[in-house]
Amino acid sequence: MNMLEEFNLECPNCGETVAIFIDSSVEQQIYIEDCPVCCRPMLLSVSYDESSGVNVIASREDD
């Protein structure tokens, strides 16, 4: 069973729209992922529930 979902968001560093993959089997997670465009780190706060789906907040690591 594949629990990865693609999610598009705006990089808080460069403003480009990028695609990330979210593991929807985990209800809440906070992690750092490098932007595939500018290579700077994004702090991602991810929550998931069946009724509202995936919610992602991306911020700069130094915020």
C-alpha atoms as a PDB file:
ATOM      1  CA  MET A   1       0.000   0.000   0.000  1.00  0.00           C
ATOM      2  CA  ASN A   2       1.520   3.334  -1.094  1.00  0.00           C
ATOM      3  CA  MET A   3       0.876   6.135   1.384  1.00  0.00           C
ATOM      4  CA  LEU A   4       2.904   8.810  -0.441  1.00  0.00           C
ATOM      5  CA  GLU A   5       0.965  11.766  -1.810  1.00  0.00           C
ATOM      6  CA  GLU A   6       2.385  14.467  -4.035  1.00  0.00           C
ATOM      7  CA  PHE A   7       1.837  17.993  -2.738  1.00  0.00           C
ATOM      8  CA  ASN A   8       2.736  21.269  -4.476  1.00  0.00           C
ATOM      9  CA  LEU A   9       3.847  24.241  -2.405  1.00  0.00           C
ATOM     10  CA  GLU A  10       5.679  27.524  -2.760  1.00  0.00           C
ATOM     11  CA  CYS A  11       9.261  27.519  -1.524  1.00  0.00           C
ATOM     12  CA  PRO A  12       9.564  30.126   1.256  1.00  0.00           C
ATOM     13  CA  ASN A  13      13.102  30.932   0.079  1.00  0.00           C
ATOM     14  CA  CYS A  14      12.860  31.380  -3.703  1.00  0.00           C
ATOM     15  CA  GLY A  15       9.094  31.498  -4.303  1.00  0.00           C
ATOM     16  CA  GLU A  16       9.091  28.703  -6.898  1.00  0.00           C
ATOM     17  CA  THR A  17       6.336  26.101  -6.860  1.00  0.00           C
ATOM     18  CA  VAL A  18       7.840  22.715  -5.993  1.00  0.00           C
ATOM     19  CA  ALA A  19       6.460  19.224  -5.531  1.00  0.00           C
ATOM     20  CA  ILE A  20       7.139  17.249  -2.371  1.00  0.00           C
ATOM     21  CA  PHE A  21       5.948  13.817  -1.335  1.00  0.00           C
ATOM     22  CA  ILE A  22       4.052  13.437   1.939  1.00  0.00           C
ATOM     23  CA  ASP A  23       3.752  10.159   3.854  1.00  0.00           C
ATOM     24  CA  SER A  24       0.055  10.217   4.726  1.00  0.00           C
ATOM     25  CA  SER A  25       0.413   7.247   7.079  1.00  0.00           C
ATOM     26  CA  VAL A  26       1.920   9.679   9.649  1.00  0.00           C
ATOM     27  CA  GLU A  27      -0.617  12.138  11.094  1.00  0.00           C
ATOM     28  CA  GLN A  28       1.849  14.894  12.095  1.00  0.00           C
ATOM     29  CA  GLN A  29       5.449  15.474  11.149  1.00  0.00           C
ATOM     30  CA  ILE A  30       7.979  18.288  11.155  1.00  0.00           C
ATOM     31  CA  TYR A  31      11.104  17.975   9.066  1.00  0.00           C
ATOM     32  CA  ILE A  32      13.555  19.857   6.872  1.00  0.00           C
ATOM     33  CA  GLU A  33      13.726  19.264   3.136  1.00  0.00           C
ATOM     34  CA  ASP A  34      15.924  21.105   0.650  1.00  0.00           C
ATOM     35  CA  CYS A  35      14.148  22.959  -2.142  1.00  0.00           C
ATOM     36  CA  PRO A  36      14.874  21.186  -5.453  1.00  0.00           C
ATOM     37  CA  VAL A  37      15.150  24.586  -7.189  1.00  0.00           C
ATOM     38  CA  CYS A  38      17.303  26.783  -4.899  1.00  0.00           C
ATOM     39  CA  CYS A  39      18.717  23.997  -2.651  1.00  0.00           C
ATOM     40  CA  ARG A  40      17.998  26.000   0.525  1.00  0.00           C
ATOM     41  CA  PRO A  41      16.292  24.233   3.453  1.00  0.00           C
ATOM     42  CA  MET A  42      12.533  24.460   4.009  1.00  0.00           C
ATOM     43  CA  LEU A  43      11.032  23.671   7.418  1.00  0.00           C
ATOM     44  CA  LEU A  44       7.897  21.645   6.701  1.00  0.00           C
ATOM     45  CA  SER A  45       5.112  21.171   9.208  1.00  0.00           C
ATOM     46  CA  VAL A  46       2.760  18.502   7.875  1.00  0.00           C
ATOM     47  CA  SER A  47      -0.527  17.246   9.242  1.00  0.00           C
ATOM     48  CA  TYR A  48      -2.911  14.728   7.743  1.00  0.00           C
ATOM     49  CA  ASP A  49      -6.376  13.475   8.533  1.00  0.00           C
ATOM     50  CA  GLU A  50      -8.906  11.672   6.386  1.00  0.00           C
ATOM     51  CA  SER A  51     -11.543  14.407   6.512  1.00  0.00           C
ATOM     52  CA  SER A  52      -9.391  17.415   5.529  1.00  0.00           C
ATOM     53  CA  GLY A  53      -6.478  15.672   3.797  1.00  0.00           C
ATOM     54  CA  VAL A  54      -2.934  17.007   3.762  1.00  0.00           C
ATOM     55  CA  ASN A  55      -2.050  20.387   5.282  1.00  0.00           C
ATOM     56  CA  VAL A  56       1.528  21.666   4.809  1.00  0.00           C
ATOM     57  CA  ILE A  57       3.087  24.825   6.196  1.00  0.00           C
ATOM     58  CA  ALA A  58       6.488  25.665   4.715  1.00  0.00           C
ATOM     59  CA  SER A  59       8.785  28.224   6.287  1.00  0.00           C
ATOM     60  CA  ARG A  60      12.393  29.234   6.034  1.00  0.00           C
ATOM     61  CA  GLU A  61      14.626  27.311   8.398  1.00  0.00           C
ATOM     62  CA  ASP A  62      15.911  30.540   9.957  1.00  0.00           C
ATOM     63  CA  ASP A  63      12.402  31.978  10.699  1.00  0.00           C
END
